[in-house]
Amino acid sequence: RGRGWARARSLAAVPRATMGKQLYGIGDVDLLHPPSAVEARKHKLKRKIQSPNSFFMDVKCPGCFNITTVFSHAQTVVVCGSCSTVLCQPTGGKARLTEGCSFRKKSD
């Protein structure tokens, strides 16, 4: 009887936002081979190997199927060169693609 009460109390102390999520404590992660999910959440300068969050991508216009190279964090409106359709809108971070546009990351 006492064990059930202690367990219920410890679960009540856990915030509702973290219930059911995998939490990594201080000693739970292998520092030499961290999981990719943990590395992806870290800041770009705090990763084991520093890498940028930005990339270039080929965006296909939904109207004329012309391919345009766009930066992922574009700060200006990008339009198609042939039909003047808006391909992406700037936001505070990554650019938002227009509905119907398809893209692929450019390879190095």
PDB file of N, CA and C in Angstrom:
ATOM      1  N   ARG A   1       0.824  -1.198   0.000  1.00  0.00           N
ATOM      2  CA  ARG A   1       0.000   0.000   0.000  1.00  0.00           C
ATOM      3  C   ARG A   1       0.868   1.262   0.000  1.00  0.00           C
ATOM      4  N   GLY A   2       1.918   1.304   0.742  1.00  0.00           N
ATOM      5  CA  GLY A   2       2.766   2.478   0.811  1.00  0.00           C
ATOM      6  C   GLY A   2       3.522   2.726  -0.484  1.00  0.00           C
ATOM      7  N   ARG A   3       3.852   1.654  -1.208  1.00  0.00           N
ATOM      8  CA  ARG A   3       4.602   1.822  -2.450  1.00  0.00           C
ATOM      9  C   ARG A   3       3.761   2.527  -3.514  1.00  0.00           C
ATOM     10  N   GLY A   4       2.501   2.182  -3.613  1.00  0.00           N
ATOM     11  CA  GLY A   4       1.639   2.810  -4.609  1.00  0.00           C
ATOM     12  C   GLY A   4       1.485   4.301  -4.365  1.00  0.00           C
ATOM     13  N   TRP A   5       1.392   4.678  -3.100  1.00  0.00           N
ATOM     14  CA  TRP A   5       1.255   6.092  -2.779  1.00  0.00           C
ATOM     15  C   TRP A   5       2.516   6.857  -3.136  1.00  0.00           C
ATOM     16  N   ALA A   6       3.681   6.269  -2.877  1.00  0.00           N
ATOM     17  CA  ALA A   6       4.955   6.926  -3.197  1.00  0.00           C
ATOM     18  C   ALA A   6       5.100   7.093  -4.705  1.00  0.00           C
ATOM     19  N   ARG A   7       4.678   6.111  -5.462  1.00  0.00           N
ATOM     20  CA  ARG A   7       4.780   6.200  -6.914  1.00  0.00           C
ATOM     21  C   ARG A   7       3.854   7.295  -7.449  1.00  0.00           C
ATOM     22  N   ALA A   8       2.650   7.355  -6.944  1.00  0.00           N
ATOM     23  CA  ALA A   8       1.707   8.378  -7.394  1.00  0.00           C
ATOM     24  C   ALA A   8       2.231   9.771  -7.062  1.00  0.00           C
ATOM     25  N   ARG A   9       2.873   9.910  -5.934  1.00  0.00           N
ATOM     26  CA  ARG A   9       3.402  11.210  -5.551  1.00  0.00           C
ATOM     27  C   ARG A   9       4.561  11.604  -6.456  1.00  0.00           C
ATOM     28  N   SER A  10       5.422  10.641  -6.825  1.00  0.00           N
ATOM     29  CA  SER A  10       6.552  10.968  -7.687  1.00  0.00           C
ATOM     30  C   SER A  10       6.077  11.338  -9.093  1.00  0.00           C
ATOM     31  N   LEU A  11       5.023  10.711  -9.589  1.00  0.00           N
ATOM     32  CA  LEU A  11       4.480  11.072 -10.904  1.00  0.00           C
ATOM     33  C   LEU A  11       3.815  12.443 -10.863  1.00  0.00           C
ATOM     34  N   ALA A  12       3.252  12.800  -9.722  1.00  0.00           N
ATOM     35  CA  ALA A  12       2.614  14.103  -9.609  1.00  0.00           C
ATOM     36  C   ALA A  12       3.656  15.216  -9.650  1.00  0.00           C
ATOM     37  N   ALA A  13       4.883  14.899  -9.231  1.00  0.00           N
ATOM     38  CA  ALA A  13       5.935  15.905  -9.225  1.00  0.00           C
ATOM     39  C   ALA A  13       6.484  16.175 -10.621  1.00  0.00           C
ATOM     40  N   VAL A  14       6.235  15.257 -11.584  1.00  0.00           N
ATOM     41  CA  VAL A  14       6.730  15.426 -12.952  1.00  0.00           C
ATOM     42  C   VAL A  14       5.796  16.371 -13.700  1.00  0.00           C
ATOM     43  N   PRO A  15       6.318  17.413 -14.340  1.00  0.00           N
ATOM     44  CA  PRO A  15       5.452  18.322 -15.103  1.00  0.00           C
ATOM     45  C   PRO A  15       4.705  17.595 -16.208  1.00  0.00           C
ATOM     46  N   ARG A  16       3.492  18.040 -16.482  1.00  0.00           N
ATOM     47  CA  ARG A  16       2.640  17.377 -17.467  1.00  0.00           C
ATOM     48  C   ARG A  16       3.266  17.410 -18.865  1.00  0.00           C
ATOM     49  N   ALA A  17       4.046  18.426 -19.178  1.00  0.00           N
ATOM     50  CA  ALA A  17       4.640  18.556 -20.513  1.00  0.00           C
ATOM     51  C   ALA A  17       5.674  17.464 -20.778  1.00  0.00           C
ATOM     52  N   THR A  18       6.299  16.917 -19.719  1.00  0.00           N
ATOM     53  CA  THR A  18       7.330  15.907 -19.922  1.00  0.00           C
ATOM     54  C   THR A  18       6.804  14.491 -19.771  1.00  0.00           C
ATOM     55  N   MET A  19       5.530  14.316 -19.465  1.00  0.00           N
ATOM     56  CA  MET A  19       4.964  12.985 -19.291  1.00  0.00           C
ATOM     57  C   MET A  19       5.016  12.218 -20.611  1.00  0.00           C
ATOM     58  N   GLY A  20       5.542  11.014 -20.589  1.00  0.00           N
ATOM     59  CA  GLY A  20       5.575  10.154 -21.763  1.00  0.00           C
ATOM     60  C   GLY A  20       6.692  10.462 -22.737  1.00  0.00           C
ATOM     61  N   LYS A  21       7.537  11.443 -22.456  1.00  0.00           N
ATOM     62  CA  LYS A  21       8.640  11.768 -23.357  1.00  0.00           C
ATOM     63  C   LYS A  21       9.918  11.151 -22.826  1.00  0.00           C
ATOM     64  N   GLN A  22      10.801  10.798 -23.727  1.00  0.00           N
ATOM     65  CA  GLN A  22      12.097  10.240 -23.346  1.00  0.00           C
ATOM     66  C   GLN A  22      12.993  11.375 -22.862  1.00  0.00           C
ATOM     67  N   LEU A  23      13.402  11.313 -21.615  1.00  0.00           N
ATOM     68  CA  LEU A  23      14.273  12.336 -21.064  1.00  0.00           C
ATOM     69  C   LEU A  23      15.661  11.758 -20.878  1.00  0.00           C
ATOM     70  N   TYR A  24      16.665  12.516 -21.219  1.00  0.00           N
ATOM     71  CA  TYR A  24      18.037  12.086 -21.053  1.00  0.00           C
ATOM     72  C   TYR A  24      18.640  12.842 -19.887  1.00  0.00           C
ATOM     73  N   GLY A  25      19.100  12.093 -18.896  1.00  0.00           N
ATOM     74  CA  GLY A  25      19.747  12.704 -17.750  1.00  0.00           C
ATOM     75  C   GLY A  25      21.209  12.952 -18.054  1.00  0.00           C
ATOM     76  N   ILE A  26      21.968  13.266 -17.029  1.00  0.00           N
ATOM     77  CA  ILE A  26      23.383  13.583 -17.205  1.00  0.00           C
ATOM     78  C   ILE A  26      24.175  12.368 -17.657  1.00  0.00           C
ATOM     79  N   GLY A  27      23.922  11.213 -17.076  1.00  0.00           N
ATOM     80  CA  GLY A  27      24.710  10.028 -17.397  1.00  0.00           C
ATOM     81  C   GLY A  27      24.059   9.091 -18.385  1.00  0.00           C
ATOM     82  N   ASP A  28      22.953   9.476 -19.021  1.00  0.00           N
ATOM     83  CA  ASP A  28      22.203   8.567 -19.879  1.00  0.00           C
ATOM     84  C   ASP A  28      22.689   8.519 -21.319  1.00  0.00           C
ATOM     85  N   VAL A  29      23.498   9.469 -21.763  1.00  0.00           N
ATOM     86  CA  VAL A  29      23.899   9.539 -23.165  1.00  0.00           C
ATOM     87  C   VAL A  29      25.382   9.206 -23.296  1.00  0.00           C
ATOM     88  N   ASP A  30      25.699   8.362 -24.281  1.00  0.00           N
ATOM     89  CA  ASP A  30      27.090   8.059 -24.585  1.00  0.00           C
ATOM     90  C   ASP A  30      27.696   9.297 -25.241  1.00  0.00           C
ATOM     91  N   LEU A  31      28.681   9.904 -24.619  1.00  0.00           N
ATOM     92  CA  LEU A  31      29.234  11.162 -25.117  1.00  0.00           C
ATOM     93  C   LEU A  31      30.037  10.983 -26.401  1.00  0.00           C
ATOM     94  N   LEU A  32      30.593   9.805 -26.621  1.00  0.00           N
ATOM     95  CA  LEU A  32      31.352   9.578 -27.857  1.00  0.00           C
ATOM     96  C   LEU A  32      30.445   9.312 -29.046  1.00  0.00           C
ATOM     97  N   HIS A  33      29.294   8.705 -28.797  1.00  0.00           N
ATOM     98  CA  HIS A  33      28.358   8.367 -29.874  1.00  0.00           C
ATOM     99  C   HIS A  33      26.948   8.792 -29.470  1.00  0.00           C
ATOM    100  N   PRO A  34      26.672  10.099 -29.443  1.00  0.00           N
ATOM    101  CA  PRO A  34      25.336  10.546 -29.027  1.00  0.00           C
ATOM    102  C   PRO A  34      24.293  10.216 -30.086  1.00  0.00           C
ATOM    103  N   PRO A  35      23.044   9.982 -29.678  1.00  0.00           N
ATOM    104  CA  PRO A  35      21.973   9.735 -30.649  1.00  0.00           C
ATOM    105  C   PRO A  35      21.769  10.944 -31.553  1.00  0.00           C
ATOM    106  N   SER A  36      21.402  10.704 -32.782  1.00  0.00           N
ATOM    107  CA  SER A  36      21.243  11.801 -33.743  1.00  0.00           C
ATOM    108  C   SER A  36      20.109  12.737 -33.336  1.00  0.00           C
ATOM    109  N   ALA A  37      19.080  12.220 -32.655  1.00  0.00           N
ATOM    110  CA  ALA A  37      17.977  13.074 -32.215  1.00  0.00           C
ATOM    111  C   ALA A  37      18.453  14.087 -31.178  1.00  0.00           C
ATOM    112  N   VAL A  38      19.350  13.672 -30.313  1.00  0.00           N
ATOM    113  CA  VAL A  38      19.878  14.575 -29.290  1.00  0.00           C
ATOM    114  C   VAL A  38      20.771  15.628 -29.942  1.00  0.00           C
ATOM    115  N   GLU A  39      21.598  15.216 -30.888  1.00  0.00           N
ATOM    116  CA  GLU A  39      22.500  16.151 -31.571  1.00  0.00           C
ATOM    117  C   GLU A  39      21.719  17.171 -32.400  1.00  0.00           C
ATOM    118  N   ALA A  40      20.635  16.761 -33.027  1.00  0.00           N
ATOM    119  CA  ALA A  40      19.860  17.667 -33.879  1.00  0.00           C
ATOM    120  C   ALA A  40      19.199  18.774 -33.072  1.00  0.00           C
ATOM    121  N   ARG A  41      18.864  18.505 -31.805  1.00  0.00           N
ATOM    122  CA  ARG A  41      18.213  19.508 -30.971  1.00  0.00           C
ATOM    123  C   ARG A  41      19.188  20.534 -30.417  1.00  0.00           C
ATOM    124  N   LYS A  42      20.476  20.227 -30.425  1.00  0.00           N
ATOM    125  CA  LYS A  42      21.457  21.134 -29.844  1.00  0.00           C
ATOM    126  C   LYS A  42      21.694  22.346 -30.749  1.00  0.00           C
ATOM    127  N   HIS A  43      22.219  23.411 -30.152  1.00  0.00           N
ATOM    128  CA  HIS A  43      22.590  24.598 -30.905  1.00  0.00           C
ATOM    129  C   HIS A  43      23.710  24.238 -31.866  1.00  0.00           C
ATOM    130  N   LYS A  44      23.780  24.923 -32.991  1.00  0.00           N
ATOM    131  CA  LYS A  44      24.743  24.580 -34.038  1.00  0.00           C
ATOM    132  C   LYS A  44      26.193  24.645 -33.568  1.00  0.00           C
ATOM    133  N   LEU A  45      26.497  25.455 -32.564  1.00  0.00           N
ATOM    134  CA  LEU A  45      27.863  25.549 -32.051  1.00  0.00           C
ATOM    135  C   LEU A  45      28.122  24.592 -30.895  1.00  0.00           C
ATOM    136  N   LYS A  46      27.086  23.997 -30.325  1.00  0.00           N
ATOM    137  CA  LYS A  46      27.232  23.089 -29.186  1.00  0.00           C
ATOM    138  C   LYS A  46      27.257  21.627 -29.601  1.00  0.00           C
ATOM    139  N   ARG A  47      27.086  21.337 -30.898  1.00  0.00           N
ATOM    140  CA  ARG A  47      27.124  19.956 -31.370  1.00  0.00           C
ATOM    141  C   ARG A  47      28.538  19.410 -31.295  1.00  0.00           C
ATOM    142  N   LYS A  48      28.647  18.088 -31.335  1.00  0.00           N
ATOM    143  CA  LYS A  48      29.965  17.454 -31.289  1.00  0.00           C
ATOM    144  C   LYS A  48      30.801  17.921 -32.475  1.00  0.00           C
ATOM    145  N   ILE A  49      30.198  17.950 -33.644  1.00  0.00           N
ATOM    146  CA  ILE A  49      30.833  18.513 -34.840  1.00  0.00           C
ATOM    147  C   ILE A  49      29.952  19.671 -35.283  1.00  0.00           C
ATOM    148  N   GLN A  50      30.502  20.880 -35.282  1.00  0.00           N
ATOM    149  CA  GLN A  50      29.705  22.050 -35.621  1.00  0.00           C
ATOM    150  C   GLN A  50      29.229  21.978 -37.062  1.00  0.00           C
ATOM    151  N   SER A  51      27.960  22.262 -37.270  1.00  0.00           N
ATOM    152  CA  SER A  51      27.399  22.272 -38.617  1.00  0.00           C
ATOM    153  C   SER A  51      26.262  23.288 -38.663  1.00  0.00           C
ATOM    154  N   PRO A  52      26.093  23.970 -39.799  1.00  0.00           N
ATOM    155  CA  PRO A  52      25.046  24.998 -39.886  1.00  0.00           C
ATOM    156  C   PRO A  52      23.655  24.381 -40.010  1.00  0.00           C
ATOM    157  N   ASN A  53      22.652  25.159 -39.660  1.00  0.00           N
ATOM    158  CA  ASN A  53      21.258  24.742 -39.811  1.00  0.00           C
ATOM    159  C   ASN A  53      20.717  25.096 -41.186  1.00  0.00           C
ATOM    160  N   SER A  54      21.407  25.969 -41.907  1.00  0.00           N
ATOM    161  CA  SER A  54      20.911  26.458 -43.189  1.00  0.00           C
ATOM    162  C   SER A  54      21.427  25.600 -44.339  1.00  0.00           C
ATOM    163  N   PHE A  55      20.760  25.718 -45.477  1.00  0.00           N
ATOM    164  CA  PHE A  55      21.128  24.957 -46.664  1.00  0.00           C
ATOM    165  C   PHE A  55      20.532  25.626 -47.892  1.00  0.00           C
ATOM    166  N   PHE A  56      21.038  25.258 -49.051  1.00  0.00           N
ATOM    167  CA  PHE A  56      20.453  25.714 -50.316  1.00  0.00           C
ATOM    168  C   PHE A  56      19.530  24.623 -50.815  1.00  0.00           C
ATOM    169  N   MET A  57      18.479  25.018 -51.515  1.00  0.00           N
ATOM    170  CA  MET A  57      17.523  24.033 -52.024  1.00  0.00           C
ATOM    171  C   MET A  57      17.050  24.434 -53.413  1.00  0.00           C
ATOM    172  N   ASP A  58      16.703  23.431 -54.193  1.00  0.00           N
ATOM    173  CA  ASP A  58      16.089  23.644 -55.501  1.00  0.00           C
ATOM    174  C   ASP A  58      14.582  23.643 -55.300  1.00  0.00           C
ATOM    175  N   VAL A  59      13.925  24.733 -55.684  1.00  0.00           N
ATOM    176  CA  VAL A  59      12.475  24.858 -55.539  1.00  0.00           C
ATOM    177  C   VAL A  59      11.854  24.822 -56.925  1.00  0.00           C
ATOM    178  N   LYS A  60      10.843  23.960 -57.077  1.00  0.00           N
ATOM    179  CA  LYS A  60      10.162  23.829 -58.366  1.00  0.00           C
ATOM    180  C   LYS A  60       8.886  24.654 -58.345  1.00  0.00           C
ATOM    181  N   CYS A  61       8.753  25.532 -59.331  1.00  0.00           N
ATOM    182  CA  CYS A  61       7.577  26.384 -59.453  1.00  0.00           C
ATOM    183  C   CYS A  61       6.366  25.518 -59.813  1.00  0.00           C
ATOM    184  N   PRO A  62       5.234  25.693 -59.110  1.00  0.00           N
ATOM    185  CA  PRO A  62       4.061  24.860 -59.428  1.00  0.00           C
ATOM    186  C   PRO A  62       3.402  25.223 -60.753  1.00  0.00           C
ATOM    187  N   GLY A  63       3.655  26.426 -61.258  1.00  0.00           N
ATOM    188  CA  GLY A  63       3.006  26.850 -62.499  1.00  0.00           C
ATOM    189  C   GLY A  63       3.756  26.432 -63.745  1.00  0.00           C
ATOM    190  N   CYS A  64       5.066  26.759 -63.807  1.00  0.00           N
ATOM    191  CA  CYS A  64       5.830  26.496 -65.033  1.00  0.00           C
ATOM    192  C   CYS A  64       6.873  25.393 -64.846  1.00  0.00           C
ATOM    193  N   PHE A  65       6.999  24.823 -63.645  1.00  0.00           N
ATOM    194  CA  PHE A  65       7.950  23.748 -63.329  1.00  0.00           C
ATOM    195  C   PHE A  65       9.400  24.159 -63.550  1.00  0.00           C
ATOM    196  N   ASN A  66       9.660  25.461 -63.462  1.00  0.00           N
ATOM    197  CA  ASN A  66      11.020  25.971 -63.556  1.00  0.00           C
ATOM    198  C   ASN A  66      11.688  25.780 -62.190  1.00  0.00           C
ATOM    199  N   ILE A  67      12.968  25.399 -62.159  1.00  0.00           N
ATOM    200  CA  ILE A  67      13.681  25.155 -60.910  1.00  0.00           C
ATOM    201  C   ILE A  67      14.535  26.365 -60.573  1.00  0.00           C
ATOM    202  N   THR A  68      14.392  26.855 -59.330  1.00  0.00           N
ATOM    203  CA  THR A  68      15.129  28.013 -58.830  1.00  0.00           C
ATOM    204  C   THR A  68      15.883  27.611 -57.569  1.00  0.00           C
ATOM    205  N   THR A  69      17.124  28.051 -57.413  1.00  0.00           N
ATOM    206  CA  THR A  69      17.890  27.787 -56.205  1.00  0.00           C
ATOM    207  C   THR A  69      17.576  28.866 -55.174  1.00  0.00           C
ATOM    208  N   VAL A  70      17.201  28.421 -53.964  1.00  0.00           N
ATOM    209  CA  VAL A  70      16.775  29.328 -52.895  1.00  0.00           C
ATOM    210  C   VAL A  70      17.530  28.959 -51.627  1.00  0.00           C
ATOM    211  N   PHE A  71      17.919  29.970 -50.837  1.00  0.00           N
ATOM    212  CA  PHE A  71      18.541  29.750 -49.539  1.00  0.00           C
ATOM    213  C   PHE A  71      17.443  29.454 -48.523  1.00  0.00           C
ATOM    214  N   SER A  72      17.686  28.510 -47.623  1.00  0.00           N
ATOM    215  CA  SER A  72      16.644  28.086 -46.682  1.00  0.00           C
ATOM    216  C   SER A  72      16.208  29.195 -45.735  1.00  0.00           C
ATOM    217  N   HIS A  73      17.110  30.117 -45.418  1.00  0.00           N
ATOM    218  CA  HIS A  73      16.788  31.219 -44.517  1.00  0.00           C
ATOM    219  C   HIS A  73      16.731  32.544 -45.288  1.00  0.00           C
ATOM    220  N   ALA A  74      16.107  32.517 -46.470  1.00  0.00           N
ATOM    221  CA  ALA A  74      16.027  33.706 -47.322  1.00  0.00           C
ATOM    222  C   ALA A  74      15.311  34.837 -46.596  1.00  0.00           C
ATOM    223  N   GLN A  75      15.833  36.050 -46.728  1.00  0.00           N
ATOM    224  CA  GLN A  75      15.262  37.208 -46.043  1.00  0.00           C
ATOM    225  C   GLN A  75      14.471  38.112 -46.970  1.00  0.00           C
ATOM    226  N   THR A  76      14.341  37.719 -48.221  1.00  0.00           N
ATOM    227  CA  THR A  76      13.535  38.480 -49.176  1.00  0.00           C
ATOM    228  C   THR A  76      12.567  37.527 -49.858  1.00  0.00           C
ATOM    229  N   VAL A  77      11.531  38.084 -50.462  1.00  0.00           N
ATOM    230  CA  VAL A  77      10.582  37.274 -51.222  1.00  0.00           C
ATOM    231  C   VAL A  77      11.279  36.786 -52.487  1.00  0.00           C
ATOM    232  N   VAL A  78      11.192  35.500 -52.768  1.00  0.00           N
ATOM    233  CA  VAL A  78      11.806  34.926 -53.969  1.00  0.00           C
ATOM    234  C   VAL A  78      10.698  34.620 -54.962  1.00  0.00           C
ATOM    235  N   VAL A  79      10.852  35.122 -56.193  1.00  0.00           N
ATOM    236  CA  VAL A  79       9.857  34.893 -57.243  1.00  0.00           C
ATOM    237  C   VAL A  79      10.472  34.070 -58.359  1.00  0.00           C
ATOM    238  N   CYS A  80       9.615  33.387 -59.102  1.00  0.00           N
ATOM    239  CA  CYS A  80      10.062  32.598 -60.255  1.00  0.00           C
ATOM    240  C   CYS A  80      10.535  33.548 -61.349  1.00  0.00           C
ATOM    241  N   GLY A  81      11.640  33.209 -61.999  1.00  0.00           N
ATOM    242  CA  GLY A  81      12.202  34.073 -63.025  1.00  0.00           C
ATOM    243  C   GLY A  81      11.377  34.140 -64.287  1.00  0.00           C
ATOM    244  N   SER A  82      10.601  33.082 -64.585  1.00  0.00           N
ATOM    245  CA  SER A  82       9.869  33.075 -65.844  1.00  0.00           C
ATOM    246  C   SER A  82       8.402  33.500 -65.702  1.00  0.00           C
ATOM    247  N   CYS A  83       7.736  33.107 -64.620  1.00  0.00           N
ATOM    248  CA  CYS A  83       6.300  33.427 -64.518  1.00  0.00           C
ATOM    249  C   CYS A  83       5.975  34.371 -63.359  1.00  0.00           C
ATOM    250  N   SER A  84       6.969  34.829 -62.611  1.00  0.00           N
ATOM    251  CA  SER A  84       6.810  35.785 -61.504  1.00  0.00           C
ATOM    252  C   SER A  84       5.893  35.298 -60.388  1.00  0.00           C
ATOM    253  N   THR A  85       5.810  33.998 -60.189  1.00  0.00           N
ATOM    254  CA  THR A  85       5.056  33.439 -59.073  1.00  0.00           C
ATOM    255  C   THR A  85       5.916  33.501 -57.820  1.00  0.00           C
ATOM    256  N   VAL A  86       5.339  33.849 -56.676  1.00  0.00           N
ATOM    257  CA  VAL A  86       6.080  33.898 -55.414  1.00  0.00           C
ATOM    258  C   VAL A  86       6.382  32.476 -54.969  1.00  0.00           C
ATOM    259  N   LEU A  87       7.675  32.176 -54.751  1.00  0.00           N
ATOM    260  CA  LEU A  87       8.084  30.836 -54.338  1.00  0.00           C
ATOM    261  C   LEU A  87       8.206  30.699 -52.831  1.00  0.00           C
ATOM    262  N   CYS A  88       8.701  31.746 -52.154  1.00  0.00           N
ATOM    263  CA  CYS A  88       8.809  31.666 -50.700  1.00  0.00           C
ATOM    264  C   CYS A  88       8.720  33.044 -50.066  1.00  0.00           C
ATOM    265  N   GLN A  89       8.239  33.054 -48.818  1.00  0.00           N
ATOM    266  CA  GLN A  89       8.088  34.269 -48.031  1.00  0.00           C
ATOM    267  C   GLN A  89       9.070  34.204 -46.863  1.00  0.00           C
ATOM    268  N   PRO A  90       9.722  35.308 -46.509  1.00  0.00           N
ATOM    269  CA  PRO A  90      10.625  35.285 -45.353  1.00  0.00           C
ATOM    270  C   PRO A  90       9.838  35.249 -44.045  1.00  0.00           C
ATOM    271  N   THR A  91      10.420  34.600 -43.051  1.00  0.00           N
ATOM    272  CA  THR A  91       9.889  34.619 -41.688  1.00  0.00           C
ATOM    273  C   THR A  91      11.044  35.037 -40.795  1.00  0.00           C
ATOM    274  N   GLY A  92      10.909  34.873 -39.501  1.00  0.00           N
ATOM    275  CA  GLY A  92      12.002  35.230 -38.608  1.00  0.00           C
ATOM    276  C   GLY A  92      13.190  34.308 -38.742  1.00  0.00           C
ATOM    277  N   GLY A  93      12.974  33.073 -39.195  1.00  0.00           N
ATOM    278  CA  GLY A  93      14.050  32.092 -39.340  1.00  0.00           C
ATOM    279  C   GLY A  93      14.060  31.536 -40.746  1.00  0.00           C
ATOM    280  N   LYS A  94      13.579  30.307 -40.885  1.00  0.00           N
ATOM    281  CA  LYS A  94      13.532  29.686 -42.203  1.00  0.00           C
ATOM    282  C   LYS A  94      12.451  30.328 -43.063  1.00  0.00           C
ATOM    283  N   ALA A  95      12.688  30.339 -44.360  1.00  0.00           N
ATOM    284  CA  ALA A  95      11.706  30.902 -45.293  1.00  0.00           C
ATOM    285  C   ALA A  95      10.548  29.917 -45.449  1.00  0.00           C
ATOM    286  N   ARG A  96       9.339  30.440 -45.593  1.00  0.00           N
ATOM    287  CA  ARG A  96       8.149  29.608 -45.747  1.00  0.00           C
ATOM    288  C   ARG A  96       7.854  29.442 -47.234  1.00  0.00           C
ATOM    289  N   LEU A  97       7.851  28.204 -47.715  1.00  0.00           N
ATOM    290  CA  LEU A  97       7.551  27.947 -49.128  1.00  0.00           C
ATOM    291  C   LEU A  97       6.069  28.153 -49.399  1.00  0.00           C
ATOM    292  N   THR A  98       5.768  28.625 -50.594  1.00  0.00           N
ATOM    293  CA  THR A  98       4.385  28.797 -51.017  1.00  0.00           C
ATOM    294  C   THR A  98       3.753  27.432 -51.204  1.00  0.00           C
ATOM    295  N   GLU A  99       2.468  27.329 -50.921  1.00  0.00           N
ATOM    296  CA  GLU A  99       1.763  26.062 -51.054  1.00  0.00           C
ATOM    297  C   GLU A  99       1.820  25.586 -52.509  1.00  0.00           C
ATOM    298  N   GLY A 100       2.153  24.329 -52.691  1.00  0.00           N
ATOM    299  CA  GLY A 100       2.261  23.752 -54.029  1.00  0.00           C
ATOM    300  C   GLY A 100       3.688  23.649 -54.529  1.00  0.00           C
ATOM    301  N   CYS A 101       4.615  24.372 -53.912  1.00  0.00           N
ATOM    302  CA  CYS A 101       6.027  24.310 -54.306  1.00  0.00           C
ATOM    303  C   CYS A 101       6.664  23.055 -53.716  1.00  0.00           C
ATOM    304  N   SER A 102       7.458  22.395 -54.501  1.00  0.00           N
ATOM    305  CA  SER A 102       8.221  21.256 -53.992  1.00  0.00           C
ATOM    306  C   SER A 102       9.697  21.632 -53.984  1.00  0.00           C
ATOM    307  N   PHE A 103      10.463  20.988 -53.096  1.00  0.00           N
ATOM    308  CA  PHE A 103      11.875  21.339 -52.977  1.00  0.00           C
ATOM    309  C   PHE A 103      12.700  20.101 -52.684  1.00  0.00           C
ATOM    310  N   ARG A 104      14.001  20.220 -52.891  1.00  0.00           N
ATOM    311  CA  ARG A 104      14.972  19.213 -52.473  1.00  0.00           C
ATOM    312  C   ARG A 104      16.248  19.935 -52.064  1.00  0.00           C
ATOM    313  N   LYS A 105      16.931  19.385 -51.065  1.00  0.00           N
ATOM    314  CA  LYS A 105      18.182  19.986 -50.621  1.00  0.00           C
ATOM    315  C   LYS A 105      19.235  19.775 -51.696  1.00  0.00           C
ATOM    316  N   LYS A 106      20.027  20.812 -51.929  1.00  0.00           N
ATOM    317  CA  LYS A 106      21.113  20.685 -52.883  1.00  0.00           C
ATOM    318  C   LYS A 106      22.230  19.895 -52.229  1.00  0.00           C
ATOM    319  N   SER A 107      22.827  19.008 -52.989  1.00  0.00           N
ATOM    320  CA  SER A 107      23.953  18.238 -52.467  1.00  0.00           C
ATOM    321  C   SER A 107      25.225  19.068 -52.585  1.00  0.00           C
ATOM    322  N   ASP A 108      26.198  18.726 -51.768  1.00  0.00           N
ATOM    323  CA  ASP A 108      27.463  19.472 -51.781  1.00  0.00           C
ATOM    324  C   ASP A 108      28.135  19.263 -53.072  1.00  0.00           C
TER     325      ASP A 108
END
